[in-house]
Amino acid sequence: MGTEALREPTEPSAYRAPDSFDRFVEDLRTAARPGGQPIISPRLFASALSMDVQMLASRAHVHRTTIARAAGAEKLQTFLRDAIRVLAAATDINGNFHDALFWFRNEPISTFDYQTAEQLVSDGRSEDLLRYIRALQAGVVG
Protein backbone atom coordinates (compact mmCIF):
# COMPACT_ATOMS: atom_id res chain seq x y z
CA MET A 1 0.00 0.00 0.00
CA GLY A 2 1.47 3.34 -1.05
CA THR A 3 1.55 6.50 1.00
CA GLU A 4 -1.23 7.93 -1.15
CA ALA A 5 -3.59 5.32 0.32
CA LEU A 6 -2.89 6.67 3.81
CA ARG A 7 -4.18 10.15 3.10
CA GLU A 8 -6.81 11.75 5.28
CA PRO A 9 -10.43 10.92 4.43
CA THR A 10 -12.14 13.50 2.26
CA GLU A 11 -15.31 15.25 3.36
CA PRO A 12 -17.97 13.35 1.36
CA SER A 13 -19.73 16.48 0.08
CA ALA A 14 -16.46 17.80 -1.37
CA TYR A 15 -15.46 14.50 -2.96
CA ARG A 16 -15.09 14.15 -6.73
CA ALA A 17 -14.56 10.89 -8.57
CA PRO A 18 -10.87 10.09 -9.04
CA ASP A 19 -9.34 9.09 -12.35
CA SER A 20 -9.27 5.37 -11.62
CA PHE A 21 -11.59 2.73 -10.24
CA ASP A 22 -8.84 1.44 -7.95
CA ARG A 23 -8.40 4.91 -6.43
CA PHE A 24 -12.19 5.12 -5.94
CA VAL A 25 -12.23 1.82 -4.05
CA GLU A 26 -9.26 2.95 -1.97
CA ASP A 27 -11.08 6.19 -1.13
CA LEU A 28 -14.13 4.17 -0.04
CA ARG A 29 -11.86 1.98 2.08
CA THR A 30 -10.23 5.04 3.66
CA ALA A 31 -13.65 6.53 4.43
CA ALA A 32 -14.62 3.33 6.26
CA ARG A 33 -11.59 3.40 8.57
CA PRO A 34 -12.50 6.24 10.97
CA GLY A 35 -15.67 4.50 12.15
CA GLY A 36 -14.02 1.11 12.04
CA GLN A 37 -16.96 -0.35 10.12
CA PRO A 38 -16.38 -2.21 6.87
CA ILE A 39 -19.16 -0.42 5.02
CA ILE A 40 -19.28 1.68 1.90
CA SER A 41 -19.83 5.36 2.59
CA PRO A 42 -23.11 6.21 0.88
CA ARG A 43 -22.30 9.93 0.89
CA LEU A 44 -18.89 9.43 -0.71
CA PHE A 45 -20.43 7.13 -3.32
CA ALA A 46 -23.19 9.64 -4.06
CA SER A 47 -20.71 12.50 -4.41
CA ALA A 48 -18.55 10.49 -6.82
CA LEU A 49 -21.58 9.92 -9.03
CA SER A 50 -22.86 13.50 -8.67
CA MET A 51 -25.97 12.10 -7.04
CA ASP A 52 -27.87 13.77 -4.21
CA VAL A 53 -28.88 11.87 -1.08
CA GLN A 54 -32.53 11.73 -2.12
CA MET A 55 -31.65 10.10 -5.46
CA LEU A 56 -29.36 7.57 -3.79
CA ALA A 57 -32.05 6.70 -1.27
CA SER A 58 -34.57 6.31 -4.07
CA ARG A 59 -32.25 4.06 -6.10
CA ALA A 60 -31.47 1.93 -3.03
CA HIS A 61 -35.16 1.80 -2.02
CA VAL A 62 -34.52 3.23 1.45
CA HIS A 63 -35.73 6.36 3.24
CA ARG A 64 -33.43 9.36 2.78
CA THR A 65 -32.67 9.47 6.51
CA THR A 66 -31.19 5.98 6.21
CA ILE A 67 -28.21 7.49 4.41
CA ALA A 68 -27.22 9.51 7.51
CA ARG A 69 -28.64 7.46 10.35
CA ALA A 70 -28.15 3.87 9.17
CA ALA A 71 -25.42 3.91 6.53
CA GLY A 72 -24.79 0.23 7.19
CA ALA A 73 -28.37 -0.83 6.41
CA GLU A 74 -28.25 -4.02 4.38
CA LYS A 75 -30.56 -2.82 1.61
CA LEU A 76 -28.45 0.31 1.10
CA GLN A 77 -25.14 -1.53 1.28
CA THR A 78 -26.38 -4.18 -1.17
CA PHE A 79 -27.21 -1.48 -3.71
CA LEU A 80 -23.80 0.14 -3.22
CA ARG A 81 -21.92 -3.17 -3.53
CA ASP A 82 -23.84 -4.13 -6.65
CA ALA A 83 -23.24 -0.72 -8.21
CA ILE A 84 -19.52 -1.01 -7.49
CA ARG A 85 -19.41 -4.48 -9.07
CA VAL A 86 -21.05 -3.13 -12.22
CA LEU A 87 -18.75 -0.11 -12.29
CA ALA A 88 -15.73 -2.41 -11.96
CA ALA A 89 -16.91 -4.52 -14.90
CA ALA A 90 -17.69 -1.44 -16.99
CA THR A 91 -14.28 0.05 -16.23
CA ASP A 92 -12.61 -3.24 -17.16
CA ILE A 93 -14.34 -3.34 -20.52
CA ASN A 94 -13.58 0.22 -21.60
CA GLY A 95 -10.59 1.13 -19.44
CA ASN A 96 -11.82 4.56 -18.36
CA PHE A 97 -13.45 5.03 -14.97
CA HIS A 98 -15.09 8.37 -15.81
CA ASP A 99 -16.61 6.88 -18.96
CA ALA A 100 -17.92 3.98 -16.86
CA LEU A 101 -19.50 6.45 -14.42
CA PHE A 102 -21.20 8.31 -17.26
CA TRP A 103 -22.40 5.05 -18.82
CA PHE A 104 -23.73 3.78 -15.48
CA ARG A 105 -25.83 6.88 -14.86
CA ASN A 106 -26.87 7.99 -18.32
CA GLU A 107 -26.64 5.60 -21.23
CA PRO A 108 -29.78 3.62 -22.09
CA ILE A 109 -29.15 -0.04 -22.90
CA SER A 110 -31.33 -1.31 -25.73
CA THR A 111 -31.12 -4.93 -24.52
CA PHE A 112 -32.83 -3.84 -21.29
CA ASP A 113 -35.64 -1.75 -22.79
CA TYR A 114 -33.42 1.35 -22.79
CA GLN A 115 -32.97 1.45 -19.04
CA THR A 116 -29.65 2.67 -17.64
CA ALA A 117 -27.29 0.50 -15.63
CA GLU A 118 -28.19 2.58 -12.58
CA GLN A 119 -31.88 1.76 -13.03
CA LEU A 120 -31.11 -1.93 -13.52
CA VAL A 121 -29.01 -2.14 -10.36
CA SER A 122 -31.80 -0.32 -8.51
CA ASP A 123 -34.24 -2.93 -9.78
CA GLY A 124 -32.06 -5.76 -8.49
CA ARG A 125 -30.86 -6.81 -11.94
CA SER A 126 -27.13 -6.45 -11.40
CA GLU A 127 -26.47 -10.12 -12.22
CA ASP A 128 -28.27 -9.73 -15.58
CA LEU A 129 -26.26 -6.60 -16.23
CA LEU A 130 -22.96 -8.29 -15.35
CA ARG A 131 -23.79 -11.17 -17.70
CA TYR A 132 -24.49 -8.61 -20.43
CA ILE A 133 -21.15 -6.85 -19.78
CA ARG A 134 -19.28 -10.18 -19.86
CA ALA A 135 -20.99 -10.98 -23.18
CA LEU A 136 -19.92 -7.60 -24.56
CA GLN A 137 -16.39 -8.26 -23.38
CA ALA A 138 -16.40 -11.65 -25.11
CA GLY A 139 -17.75 -10.05 -28.29
CA VAL A 140 -21.08 -11.91 -28.22
CA VAL A 141 -23.46 -8.93 -27.97
CA GLY A 142 -23.53 -5.72 -29.94
C-alpha atoms as a PDB file:
ATOM      1  CA  MET A   1       0.000   0.000   0.000  1.00  0.00           C
ATOM      2  CA  GLY A   2       1.471   3.344  -1.052  1.00  0.00           C
ATOM      3  CA  THR A   3       1.549   6.501   1.005  1.00  0.00           C
ATOM      4  CA  GLU A   4      -1.227   7.934  -1.148  1.00  0.00           C
ATOM      5  CA  ALA A   5      -3.585   5.323   0.324  1.00  0.00           C
ATOM      6  CA  LEU A   6      -2.891   6.666   3.811  1.00  0.00           C
ATOM      7  CA  ARG A   7      -4.182  10.154   3.101  1.00  0.00           C
ATOM      8  CA  GLU A   8      -6.811  11.748   5.278  1.00  0.00           C
ATOM      9  CA  PRO A   9     -10.425  10.922   4.431  1.00  0.00           C
ATOM     10  CA  THR A  10     -12.141  13.504   2.264  1.00  0.00           C
ATOM     11  CA  GLU A  11     -15.313  15.254   3.360  1.00  0.00           C
ATOM     12  CA  PRO A  12     -17.969  13.355   1.355  1.00  0.00           C
ATOM     13  CA  SER A  13     -19.734  16.476   0.084  1.00  0.00           C
ATOM     14  CA  ALA A  14     -16.457  17.801  -1.369  1.00  0.00           C
ATOM     15  CA  TYR A  15     -15.463  14.499  -2.961  1.00  0.00           C
ATOM     16  CA  ARG A  16     -15.087  14.154  -6.725  1.00  0.00           C
ATOM     17  CA  ALA A  17     -14.556  10.894  -8.572  1.00  0.00           C
ATOM     18  CA  PRO A  18     -10.871  10.091  -9.037  1.00  0.00           C
ATOM     19  CA  ASP A  19      -9.336   9.087 -12.353  1.00  0.00           C
ATOM     20  CA  SER A  20      -9.265   5.371 -11.617  1.00  0.00           C
ATOM     21  CA  PHE A  21     -11.589   2.733 -10.241  1.00  0.00           C
ATOM     22  CA  ASP A  22      -8.835   1.438  -7.949  1.00  0.00           C
ATOM     23  CA  ARG A  23      -8.401   4.913  -6.430  1.00  0.00           C
ATOM     24  CA  PHE A  24     -12.192   5.119  -5.940  1.00  0.00           C
ATOM     25  CA  VAL A  25     -12.234   1.819  -4.047  1.00  0.00           C
ATOM     26  CA  GLU A  26      -9.260   2.947  -1.967  1.00  0.00           C
ATOM     27  CA  ASP A  27     -11.085   6.189  -1.125  1.00  0.00           C
ATOM     28  CA  LEU A  28     -14.130   4.168  -0.042  1.00  0.00           C
ATOM     29  CA  ARG A  29     -11.862   1.976   2.076  1.00  0.00           C
ATOM     30  CA  THR A  30     -10.228   5.042   3.660  1.00  0.00           C
ATOM     31  CA  ALA A  31     -13.653   6.533   4.430  1.00  0.00           C
ATOM     32  CA  ALA A  32     -14.620   3.330   6.258  1.00  0.00           C
ATOM     33  CA  ARG A  33     -11.593   3.397   8.571  1.00  0.00           C
ATOM     34  CA  PRO A  34     -12.503   6.241  10.966  1.00  0.00           C
ATOM     35  CA  GLY A  35     -15.669   4.503  12.146  1.00  0.00           C
ATOM     36  CA  GLY A  36     -14.020   1.113  12.038  1.00  0.00           C
ATOM     37  CA  GLN A  37     -16.957  -0.351  10.125  1.00  0.00           C
ATOM     38  CA  PRO A  38     -16.376  -2.211   6.867  1.00  0.00           C
ATOM     39  CA  ILE A  39     -19.161  -0.419   5.021  1.00  0.00           C
ATOM     40  CA  ILE A  40     -19.285   1.680   1.896  1.00  0.00           C
ATOM     41  CA  SER A  41     -19.825   5.364   2.590  1.00  0.00           C
ATOM     42  CA  PRO A  42     -23.107   6.211   0.880  1.00  0.00           C
ATOM     43  CA  ARG A  43     -22.301   9.930   0.890  1.00  0.00           C
ATOM     44  CA  LEU A  44     -18.889   9.427  -0.715  1.00  0.00           C
ATOM     45  CA  PHE A  45     -20.429   7.125  -3.323  1.00  0.00           C
ATOM     46  CA  ALA A  46     -23.195   9.640  -4.061  1.00  0.00           C
ATOM     47  CA  SER A  47     -20.708  12.501  -4.405  1.00  0.00           C
ATOM     48  CA  ALA A  48     -18.550  10.494  -6.818  1.00  0.00           C
ATOM     49  CA  LEU A  49     -21.582   9.916  -9.030  1.00  0.00           C
ATOM     50  CA  SER A  50     -22.863  13.503  -8.665  1.00  0.00           C
ATOM     51  CA  MET A  51     -25.967  12.100  -7.039  1.00  0.00           C
ATOM     52  CA  ASP A  52     -27.868  13.766  -4.212  1.00  0.00           C
ATOM     53  CA  VAL A  53     -28.882  11.867  -1.083  1.00  0.00           C
ATOM     54  CA  GLN A  54     -32.527  11.735  -2.120  1.00  0.00           C
ATOM     55  CA  MET A  55     -31.646  10.098  -5.456  1.00  0.00           C
ATOM     56  CA  LEU A  56     -29.359   7.569  -3.791  1.00  0.00           C
ATOM     57  CA  ALA A  57     -32.053   6.701  -1.274  1.00  0.00           C
ATOM     58  CA  SER A  58     -34.567   6.305  -4.074  1.00  0.00           C
ATOM     59  CA  ARG A  59     -32.254   4.055  -6.099  1.00  0.00           C
ATOM     60  CA  ALA A  60     -31.467   1.932  -3.034  1.00  0.00           C
ATOM     61  CA  HIS A  61     -35.155   1.804  -2.021  1.00  0.00           C
ATOM     62  CA  VAL A  62     -34.517   3.235   1.445  1.00  0.00           C
ATOM     63  CA  HIS A  63     -35.729   6.358   3.236  1.00  0.00           C
ATOM     64  CA  ARG A  64     -33.426   9.358   2.781  1.00  0.00           C
ATOM     65  CA  THR A  65     -32.666   9.471   6.513  1.00  0.00           C
ATOM     66  CA  THR A  66     -31.192   5.978   6.208  1.00  0.00           C
ATOM     67  CA  ILE A  67     -28.207   7.492   4.413  1.00  0.00           C
ATOM     68  CA  ALA A  68     -27.215   9.509   7.506  1.00  0.00           C
ATOM     69  CA  ARG A  69     -28.641   7.457  10.348  1.00  0.00           C
ATOM     70  CA  ALA A  70     -28.151   3.874   9.173  1.00  0.00           C
ATOM     71  CA  ALA A  71     -25.420   3.911   6.534  1.00  0.00           C
ATOM     72  CA  GLY A  72     -24.792   0.225   7.191  1.00  0.00           C
ATOM     73  CA  ALA A  73     -28.373  -0.830   6.414  1.00  0.00           C
ATOM     74  CA  GLU A  74     -28.249  -4.025   4.378  1.00  0.00           C
ATOM     75  CA  LYS A  75     -30.564  -2.822   1.614  1.00  0.00           C
ATOM     76  CA  LEU A  76     -28.453   0.308   1.100  1.00  0.00           C
ATOM     77  CA  GLN A  77     -25.136  -1.531   1.276  1.00  0.00           C
ATOM     78  CA  THR A  78     -26.385  -4.177  -1.170  1.00  0.00           C
ATOM     79  CA  PHE A  79     -27.214  -1.479  -3.711  1.00  0.00           C
ATOM     80  CA  LEU A  80     -23.802   0.143  -3.220  1.00  0.00           C
ATOM     81  CA  ARG A  81     -21.917  -3.171  -3.526  1.00  0.00           C
ATOM     82  CA  ASP A  82     -23.844  -4.130  -6.652  1.00  0.00           C
ATOM     83  CA  ALA A  83     -23.237  -0.715  -8.206  1.00  0.00           C
ATOM     84  CA  ILE A  84     -19.518  -1.012  -7.493  1.00  0.00           C
ATOM     85  CA  ARG A  85     -19.407  -4.480  -9.066  1.00  0.00           C
ATOM     86  CA  VAL A  86     -21.053  -3.132 -12.222  1.00  0.00           C
ATOM     87  CA  LEU A  87     -18.745  -0.108 -12.291  1.00  0.00           C
ATOM     88  CA  ALA A  88     -15.732  -2.412 -11.956  1.00  0.00           C
ATOM     89  CA  ALA A  89     -16.905  -4.519 -14.898  1.00  0.00           C
ATOM     90  CA  ALA A  90     -17.686  -1.438 -16.992  1.00  0.00           C
ATOM     91  CA  THR A  91     -14.278   0.048 -16.226  1.00  0.00           C
ATOM     92  CA  ASP A  92     -12.608  -3.241 -17.155  1.00  0.00           C
ATOM     93  CA  ILE A  93     -14.338  -3.338 -20.516  1.00  0.00           C
ATOM     94  CA  ASN A  94     -13.578   0.218 -21.603  1.00  0.00           C
ATOM     95  CA  GLY A  95     -10.587   1.131 -19.438  1.00  0.00           C
ATOM     96  CA  ASN A  96     -11.823   4.561 -18.359  1.00  0.00           C
ATOM     97  CA  PHE A  97     -13.454   5.032 -14.965  1.00  0.00           C
ATOM     98  CA  HIS A  98     -15.090   8.368 -15.813  1.00  0.00           C
ATOM     99  CA  ASP A  99     -16.614   6.881 -18.964  1.00  0.00           C
ATOM    100  CA  ALA A 100     -17.915   3.984 -16.858  1.00  0.00           C
ATOM    101  CA  LEU A 101     -19.500   6.452 -14.416  1.00  0.00           C
ATOM    102  CA  PHE A 102     -21.200   8.308 -17.256  1.00  0.00           C
ATOM    103  CA  TRP A 103     -22.403   5.054 -18.819  1.00  0.00           C
ATOM    104  CA  PHE A 104     -23.730   3.780 -15.476  1.00  0.00           C
ATOM    105  CA  ARG A 105     -25.829   6.876 -14.858  1.00  0.00           C
ATOM    106  CA  ASN A 106     -26.869   7.994 -18.323  1.00  0.00           C
ATOM    107  CA  GLU A 107     -26.640   5.595 -21.234  1.00  0.00           C
ATOM    108  CA  PRO A 108     -29.775   3.621 -22.088  1.00  0.00           C
ATOM    109  CA  ILE A 109     -29.146  -0.037 -22.900  1.00  0.00           C
ATOM    110  CA  SER A 110     -31.326  -1.314 -25.727  1.00  0.00           C
ATOM    111  CA  THR A 111     -31.116  -4.926 -24.521  1.00  0.00           C
ATOM    112  CA  PHE A 112     -32.832  -3.836 -21.289  1.00  0.00           C
ATOM    113  CA  ASP A 113     -35.638  -1.746 -22.786  1.00  0.00           C
ATOM    114  CA  TYR A 114     -33.423   1.349 -22.787  1.00  0.00           C
ATOM    115  CA  GLN A 115     -32.966   1.450 -19.041  1.00  0.00           C
ATOM    116  CA  THR A 116     -29.654   2.668 -17.645  1.00  0.00           C
ATOM    117  CA  ALA A 117     -27.289   0.504 -15.633  1.00  0.00           C
ATOM    118  CA  GLU A 118     -28.192   2.580 -12.577  1.00  0.00           C
ATOM    119  CA  GLN A 119     -31.880   1.756 -13.034  1.00  0.00           C
ATOM    120  CA  LEU A 120     -31.113  -1.930 -13.522  1.00  0.00           C
ATOM    121  CA  VAL A 121     -29.013  -2.138 -10.357  1.00  0.00           C
ATOM    122  CA  SER A 122     -31.798  -0.318  -8.508  1.00  0.00           C
ATOM    123  CA  ASP A 123     -34.242  -2.931  -9.785  1.00  0.00           C
ATOM    124  CA  GLY A 124     -32.065  -5.757  -8.485  1.00  0.00           C
ATOM    125  CA  ARG A 125     -30.859  -6.805 -11.939  1.00  0.00           C
ATOM    126  CA  SER A 126     -27.127  -6.446 -11.396  1.00  0.00           C
ATOM    127  CA  GLU A 127     -26.475 -10.121 -12.221  1.00  0.00           C
ATOM    128  CA  ASP A 128     -28.270  -9.732 -15.578  1.00  0.00           C
ATOM    129  CA  LEU A 129     -26.258  -6.604 -16.230  1.00  0.00           C
ATOM    130  CA  LEU A 130     -22.964  -8.295 -15.347  1.00  0.00           C
ATOM    131  CA  ARG A 131     -23.785 -11.173 -17.696  1.00  0.00           C
ATOM    132  CA  TYR A 132     -24.487  -8.614 -20.426  1.00  0.00           C
ATOM    133  CA  ILE A 133     -21.153  -6.854 -19.784  1.00  0.00           C
ATOM    134  CA  ARG A 134     -19.283 -10.182 -19.860  1.00  0.00           C
ATOM    135  CA  ALA A 135     -20.991 -10.983 -23.180  1.00  0.00           C
ATOM    136  CA  LEU A 136     -19.919  -7.600 -24.555  1.00  0.00           C
ATOM    137  CA  GLN A 137     -16.386  -8.261 -23.382  1.00  0.00           C
ATOM    138  CA  ALA A 138     -16.401 -11.647 -25.114  1.00  0.00           C
ATOM    139  CA  GLY A 139     -17.749 -10.050 -28.287  1.00  0.00           C
ATOM    140  CA  VAL A 140     -21.077 -11.912 -28.221  1.00  0.00           C
ATOM    141  CA  VAL A 141     -23.463  -8.932 -27.975  1.00  0.00           C
ATOM    142  CA  GLY A 142     -23.530  -5.716 -29.938  1.00  0.00           C
END
